[in-house]
Amino acid sequence: MTVPIEMSLEDEILETLGICGCGQPRDVMELVERSLTRMSSVGRAAANNEDYRLGLQRAFRRENALDDPLVWAHFYQMDHLGLIEHGVSVWCGWTTPKGEAVLALLRKYLAEGAKDG
C-alpha cells in the first residue's frame, strides 16, 4: 500500500516551476511572483501599455529588460509551464487560471517569510 506524502508549500511551488531547491529558489520565486502579478488581470487593468512595459522592467529590476535574452527565456518558460497565455508577444501575455493559482501559492509562501534551504 502506498501512503500519499503531503508536499510542503515550498515543494509544490518548486515542482510546479520545475526548479530544484539549490541556488536561489526564493529569489526565483520572488521574480515569478512579480512578473505574474504584473501579468495578472489586476496588474494589466492598472496600467496602459507603456506603464505595463515599464512595470515588467521594474519586475526584473533592470532597464531595457525586454532587450535581455534571459528575460525572454523567463517569459518563454512561464508560457511553456502554462502560467501565462501568449499574447501578441510572449511578454504581452496574461495569466492563465494555473498562473493565478501559482501566484496565490507564491504570495502565501512569500508572506509566510519562508527561508531558503
N, C-alpha and C. Protein backbone atom coordinates (compact mmCIF):
# COMPACT_ATOMS: atom_id res chain seq x y z
N MET A 1 0.84 -1.17 0.00
CA MET A 1 0.00 0.00 0.00
C MET A 1 0.90 1.24 0.00
N THR A 2 0.60 2.15 -0.89
CA THR A 2 1.35 3.39 -0.96
C THR A 2 0.64 4.45 -0.14
N VAL A 3 1.38 5.08 0.74
CA VAL A 3 0.83 6.14 1.58
C VAL A 3 1.16 7.46 0.92
N PRO A 4 0.15 8.29 0.61
CA PRO A 4 0.45 9.58 -0.02
C PRO A 4 1.24 10.47 0.94
N ILE A 5 2.23 11.12 0.40
CA ILE A 5 3.04 12.05 1.19
C ILE A 5 2.59 13.47 0.86
N GLU A 6 2.27 14.21 1.89
CA GLU A 6 1.84 15.58 1.69
C GLU A 6 3.05 16.44 1.37
N MET A 7 2.96 17.20 0.30
CA MET A 7 4.04 18.09 -0.11
C MET A 7 3.97 19.39 0.69
N SER A 8 5.12 19.94 0.99
CA SER A 8 5.14 21.26 1.60
C SER A 8 4.78 22.28 0.53
N LEU A 9 4.38 23.45 0.95
CA LEU A 9 4.06 24.52 0.02
C LEU A 9 5.27 24.83 -0.86
N GLU A 10 6.45 24.88 -0.24
CA GLU A 10 7.67 25.15 -1.00
C GLU A 10 7.91 24.07 -2.06
N ASP A 11 7.77 22.80 -1.67
CA ASP A 11 7.98 21.71 -2.63
C ASP A 11 6.98 21.77 -3.78
N GLU A 12 5.75 22.12 -3.46
CA GLU A 12 4.72 22.23 -4.50
C GLU A 12 5.09 23.31 -5.51
N ILE A 13 5.57 24.45 -5.01
CA ILE A 13 5.96 25.54 -5.91
C ILE A 13 7.17 25.15 -6.74
N LEU A 14 8.17 24.57 -6.08
CA LEU A 14 9.38 24.16 -6.81
C LEU A 14 9.03 23.17 -7.91
N GLU A 15 8.18 22.21 -7.61
CA GLU A 15 7.79 21.22 -8.61
C GLU A 15 7.02 21.87 -9.76
N THR A 16 6.12 22.76 -9.43
CA THR A 16 5.32 23.43 -10.46
C THR A 16 6.20 24.26 -11.38
N LEU A 17 7.19 24.95 -10.81
CA LEU A 17 8.08 25.79 -11.60
C LEU A 17 9.18 24.98 -12.28
N GLY A 18 9.34 23.72 -11.88
CA GLY A 18 10.36 22.88 -12.49
C GLY A 18 11.77 23.24 -12.07
N ILE A 19 11.91 23.70 -10.83
CA ILE A 19 13.24 24.06 -10.33
C ILE A 19 13.55 23.26 -9.07
N CYS A 20 14.85 23.14 -8.78
CA CYS A 20 15.26 22.45 -7.56
C CYS A 20 15.41 23.48 -6.45
N GLY A 21 15.78 23.03 -5.30
CA GLY A 21 15.89 23.93 -4.15
C GLY A 21 17.27 24.51 -3.94
N CYS A 22 18.23 24.22 -4.83
CA CYS A 22 19.57 24.78 -4.62
C CYS A 22 19.67 26.17 -5.25
N GLY A 23 20.74 26.85 -4.93
CA GLY A 23 20.94 28.18 -5.50
C GLY A 23 20.09 29.22 -4.81
N GLN A 24 19.28 29.90 -5.58
CA GLN A 24 18.47 30.99 -5.05
C GLN A 24 16.99 30.81 -5.39
N PRO A 25 16.38 29.72 -4.92
CA PRO A 25 14.99 29.48 -5.29
C PRO A 25 14.04 30.58 -4.81
N ARG A 26 14.31 31.16 -3.64
CA ARG A 26 13.43 32.21 -3.15
C ARG A 26 13.47 33.43 -4.08
N ASP A 27 14.67 33.78 -4.55
CA ASP A 27 14.79 34.90 -5.48
C ASP A 27 14.03 34.62 -6.77
N VAL A 28 14.11 33.37 -7.23
CA VAL A 28 13.37 32.98 -8.44
C VAL A 28 11.87 33.07 -8.18
N MET A 29 11.44 32.58 -7.02
CA MET A 29 10.01 32.66 -6.67
C MET A 29 9.55 34.11 -6.61
N GLU A 30 10.37 34.98 -6.06
CA GLU A 30 10.01 36.40 -5.99
C GLU A 30 9.90 37.00 -7.38
N LEU A 31 10.81 36.64 -8.28
CA LEU A 31 10.76 37.13 -9.66
C LEU A 31 9.49 36.64 -10.35
N VAL A 32 9.18 35.36 -10.20
CA VAL A 32 7.97 34.82 -10.82
C VAL A 32 6.74 35.51 -10.23
N GLU A 33 6.74 35.73 -8.93
CA GLU A 33 5.60 36.41 -8.29
C GLU A 33 5.45 37.82 -8.85
N ARG A 34 6.55 38.55 -8.98
CA ARG A 34 6.47 39.93 -9.51
C ARG A 34 5.97 39.94 -10.95
N SER A 35 6.49 39.04 -11.78
CA SER A 35 6.07 39.05 -13.18
C SER A 35 4.63 38.55 -13.34
N LEU A 36 4.23 37.52 -12.58
CA LEU A 36 2.84 37.07 -12.66
C LEU A 36 1.88 38.14 -12.14
N THR A 37 2.29 38.85 -11.10
CA THR A 37 1.45 39.94 -10.59
C THR A 37 1.23 40.97 -11.68
N ARG A 38 2.28 41.32 -12.37
CA ARG A 38 2.18 42.33 -13.43
C ARG A 38 1.33 41.84 -14.58
N MET A 39 1.36 40.53 -14.84
CA MET A 39 0.62 39.97 -15.97
C MET A 39 -0.79 39.54 -15.58
N SER A 40 -1.10 39.61 -14.30
CA SER A 40 -2.44 39.23 -13.85
C SER A 40 -3.45 40.27 -14.32
N SER A 41 -4.71 39.92 -14.24
CA SER A 41 -5.75 40.86 -14.69
C SER A 41 -5.70 42.15 -13.90
N VAL A 42 -5.37 42.07 -12.62
CA VAL A 42 -5.28 43.28 -11.79
C VAL A 42 -4.13 44.15 -12.27
N GLY A 43 -2.97 43.53 -12.49
CA GLY A 43 -1.81 44.29 -12.95
C GLY A 43 -2.02 44.91 -14.31
N ARG A 44 -2.65 44.16 -15.20
CA ARG A 44 -2.89 44.67 -16.57
C ARG A 44 -3.93 45.78 -16.55
N ALA A 45 -4.96 45.65 -15.74
CA ALA A 45 -6.01 46.66 -15.71
C ALA A 45 -5.52 47.98 -15.13
N ALA A 46 -4.48 47.92 -14.31
CA ALA A 46 -3.98 49.11 -13.63
C ALA A 46 -3.01 49.91 -14.48
N ALA A 47 -2.73 49.46 -15.69
CA ALA A 47 -1.68 50.13 -16.46
C ALA A 47 -2.04 50.22 -17.94
N ASN A 48 -1.61 51.32 -18.56
CA ASN A 48 -1.69 51.39 -20.01
C ASN A 48 -0.49 50.62 -20.56
N ASN A 49 -0.35 50.53 -21.89
CA ASN A 49 0.71 49.71 -22.46
C ASN A 49 2.10 50.15 -22.02
N GLU A 50 2.37 51.45 -21.99
CA GLU A 50 3.69 51.93 -21.58
C GLU A 50 3.94 51.65 -20.11
N ASP A 51 2.92 51.88 -19.26
CA ASP A 51 3.06 51.57 -17.83
C ASP A 51 3.29 50.08 -17.63
N TYR A 52 2.59 49.28 -18.42
CA TYR A 52 2.73 47.83 -18.32
C TYR A 52 4.15 47.41 -18.66
N ARG A 53 4.68 47.92 -19.76
CA ARG A 53 6.05 47.58 -20.18
C ARG A 53 7.05 48.02 -19.12
N LEU A 54 6.90 49.24 -18.62
CA LEU A 54 7.81 49.73 -17.59
C LEU A 54 7.66 48.93 -16.29
N GLY A 55 6.44 48.52 -15.98
CA GLY A 55 6.22 47.70 -14.79
C GLY A 55 6.90 46.35 -14.90
N LEU A 56 6.89 45.76 -16.09
CA LEU A 56 7.60 44.50 -16.28
C LEU A 56 9.10 44.71 -16.10
N GLN A 57 9.59 45.82 -16.61
CA GLN A 57 11.02 46.11 -16.44
C GLN A 57 11.35 46.27 -14.96
N ARG A 58 10.47 46.91 -14.20
CA ARG A 58 10.68 47.04 -12.75
C ARG A 58 10.64 45.66 -12.08
N ALA A 59 9.77 44.79 -12.58
CA ALA A 59 9.69 43.44 -12.01
C ALA A 59 11.02 42.72 -12.14
N PHE A 60 11.74 43.00 -13.23
CA PHE A 60 13.05 42.38 -13.45
C PHE A 60 14.19 43.22 -12.88
N ARG A 61 13.85 44.38 -12.35
CA ARG A 61 14.83 45.26 -11.70
C ARG A 61 15.99 45.62 -12.61
N ARG A 62 15.66 45.97 -13.86
CA ARG A 62 16.70 46.41 -14.79
C ARG A 62 16.08 47.21 -15.92
N GLU A 63 16.84 48.20 -16.37
CA GLU A 63 16.40 48.97 -17.53
C GLU A 63 16.53 48.09 -18.77
N ASN A 64 15.73 48.40 -19.74
CA ASN A 64 15.76 47.68 -21.02
C ASN A 64 15.66 46.18 -20.84
N ALA A 65 14.86 45.77 -19.87
CA ALA A 65 14.72 44.34 -19.59
C ALA A 65 14.28 43.56 -20.83
N LEU A 66 13.48 44.19 -21.66
CA LEU A 66 12.95 43.47 -22.82
C LEU A 66 13.99 43.30 -23.92
N ASP A 67 15.20 43.83 -23.71
CA ASP A 67 16.31 43.59 -24.63
C ASP A 67 17.20 42.45 -24.14
N ASP A 68 16.88 41.88 -22.99
CA ASP A 68 17.71 40.86 -22.36
C ASP A 68 17.18 39.47 -22.69
N PRO A 69 18.00 38.62 -23.32
CA PRO A 69 17.55 37.26 -23.66
C PRO A 69 17.12 36.44 -22.44
N LEU A 70 17.71 36.71 -21.28
CA LEU A 70 17.31 35.96 -20.08
C LEU A 70 15.88 36.31 -19.66
N VAL A 71 15.48 37.55 -19.87
CA VAL A 71 14.10 37.94 -19.57
C VAL A 71 13.16 37.22 -20.52
N TRP A 72 13.52 37.16 -21.79
CA TRP A 72 12.69 36.44 -22.75
C TRP A 72 12.62 34.96 -22.39
N ALA A 73 13.73 34.38 -21.95
CA ALA A 73 13.73 32.97 -21.54
C ALA A 73 12.75 32.75 -20.39
N HIS A 74 12.70 33.71 -19.47
CA HIS A 74 11.75 33.65 -18.35
C HIS A 74 10.31 33.60 -18.88
N PHE A 75 9.98 34.50 -19.80
CA PHE A 75 8.62 34.52 -20.37
C PHE A 75 8.33 33.23 -21.13
N TYR A 76 9.29 32.76 -21.92
CA TYR A 76 9.08 31.52 -22.67
C TYR A 76 8.80 30.35 -21.71
N GLN A 77 9.55 30.30 -20.61
CA GLN A 77 9.35 29.22 -19.63
C GLN A 77 7.98 29.33 -18.97
N MET A 78 7.57 30.55 -18.61
CA MET A 78 6.24 30.71 -18.00
C MET A 78 5.15 30.30 -18.98
N ASP A 79 5.34 30.61 -20.27
CA ASP A 79 4.39 30.20 -21.29
C ASP A 79 4.40 28.68 -21.41
N HIS A 80 5.58 28.08 -21.46
CA HIS A 80 5.73 26.63 -21.56
C HIS A 80 5.06 25.90 -20.39
N LEU A 81 5.18 26.47 -19.19
CA LEU A 81 4.59 25.87 -17.99
C LEU A 81 3.08 26.08 -17.91
N GLY A 82 2.54 26.88 -18.82
CA GLY A 82 1.10 27.14 -18.80
C GLY A 82 0.68 28.18 -17.78
N LEU A 83 1.63 29.00 -17.30
CA LEU A 83 1.31 30.03 -16.32
C LEU A 83 0.77 31.29 -16.97
N ILE A 84 1.14 31.51 -18.22
CA ILE A 84 0.66 32.67 -18.96
C ILE A 84 0.14 32.22 -20.32
N GLU A 85 -0.74 33.02 -20.87
CA GLU A 85 -1.25 32.82 -22.22
C GLU A 85 -0.49 33.79 -23.11
N HIS A 86 0.05 33.27 -24.18
CA HIS A 86 0.85 34.06 -25.11
C HIS A 86 -0.05 35.11 -25.77
N GLY A 87 0.33 36.37 -25.69
CA GLY A 87 -0.40 37.45 -26.37
C GLY A 87 0.20 37.69 -27.73
N VAL A 88 0.16 38.94 -28.19
CA VAL A 88 0.78 39.31 -29.45
C VAL A 88 2.27 38.96 -29.41
N SER A 89 2.86 39.19 -28.27
CA SER A 89 4.23 38.78 -27.98
C SER A 89 4.16 38.12 -26.61
N VAL A 90 5.12 37.25 -26.32
CA VAL A 90 5.03 36.49 -25.07
C VAL A 90 4.99 37.41 -23.85
N TRP A 91 5.69 38.55 -23.89
CA TRP A 91 5.66 39.45 -22.73
C TRP A 91 4.34 40.22 -22.64
N CYS A 92 3.55 40.17 -23.68
CA CYS A 92 2.22 40.82 -23.66
C CYS A 92 1.15 39.84 -23.21
N GLY A 93 1.56 38.70 -22.71
CA GLY A 93 0.60 37.69 -22.29
C GLY A 93 -0.13 38.06 -21.01
N TRP A 94 -0.93 37.14 -20.57
CA TRP A 94 -1.70 37.32 -19.34
C TRP A 94 -1.74 35.99 -18.61
N THR A 95 -2.02 36.05 -17.34
CA THR A 95 -2.02 34.83 -16.53
C THR A 95 -3.19 33.93 -16.89
N THR A 96 -2.91 32.64 -16.86
CA THR A 96 -3.93 31.61 -17.04
C THR A 96 -4.50 31.29 -15.66
N PRO A 97 -5.57 30.50 -15.59
CA PRO A 97 -6.04 30.06 -14.28
C PRO A 97 -4.93 29.36 -13.48
N LYS A 98 -4.10 28.56 -14.15
CA LYS A 98 -2.97 27.92 -13.48
C LYS A 98 -1.99 28.98 -12.96
N GLY A 99 -1.73 30.00 -13.76
CA GLY A 99 -0.85 31.08 -13.34
C GLY A 99 -1.39 31.83 -12.14
N GLU A 100 -2.70 32.05 -12.12
CA GLU A 100 -3.32 32.72 -10.97
C GLU A 100 -3.21 31.86 -9.71
N ALA A 101 -3.36 30.53 -9.89
CA ALA A 101 -3.24 29.61 -8.74
C ALA A 101 -1.80 29.60 -8.21
N VAL A 102 -0.82 29.59 -9.12
CA VAL A 102 0.58 29.62 -8.71
C VAL A 102 0.89 30.95 -8.05
N LEU A 103 0.35 32.02 -8.57
CA LEU A 103 0.55 33.35 -7.97
C LEU A 103 0.04 33.36 -6.53
N ALA A 104 -1.12 32.77 -6.30
CA ALA A 104 -1.67 32.70 -4.94
C ALA A 104 -0.75 31.88 -4.02
N LEU A 105 -0.24 30.76 -4.53
CA LEU A 105 0.69 29.94 -3.73
C LEU A 105 1.96 30.72 -3.40
N LEU A 106 2.49 31.42 -4.41
CA LEU A 106 3.72 32.20 -4.19
C LEU A 106 3.49 33.30 -3.16
N ARG A 107 2.37 33.99 -3.28
CA ARG A 107 2.08 35.06 -2.31
C ARG A 107 1.98 34.50 -0.90
N LYS A 108 1.33 33.37 -0.76
CA LYS A 108 1.20 32.75 0.57
C LYS A 108 2.57 32.35 1.10
N TYR A 109 3.35 31.70 0.28
CA TYR A 109 4.68 31.24 0.69
C TYR A 109 5.58 32.42 1.06
N LEU A 110 5.61 33.43 0.22
CA LEU A 110 6.48 34.58 0.46
C LEU A 110 6.01 35.38 1.67
N ALA A 111 4.70 35.45 1.89
CA ALA A 111 4.16 36.17 3.04
C ALA A 111 4.50 35.48 4.36
N GLU A 112 4.63 34.15 4.29
CA GLU A 112 4.97 33.39 5.49
C GLU A 112 6.42 33.58 5.90
N GLY A 113 7.20 34.26 5.05
CA GLY A 113 8.59 34.53 5.39
C GLY A 113 9.47 33.29 5.32
N ALA A 114 9.12 32.37 4.42
CA ALA A 114 9.92 31.16 4.28
C ALA A 114 11.35 31.53 3.94
N LYS A 115 12.27 30.74 4.42
CA LYS A 115 13.68 30.99 4.19
C LYS A 115 14.25 29.97 3.22
N ASP A 116 15.29 30.36 2.48
CA ASP A 116 15.98 29.43 1.60
C ASP A 116 16.54 28.28 2.41
N GLY A 117 16.52 27.11 1.81
CA GLY A 117 17.01 25.94 2.50
C GLY A 117 18.41 25.57 2.12
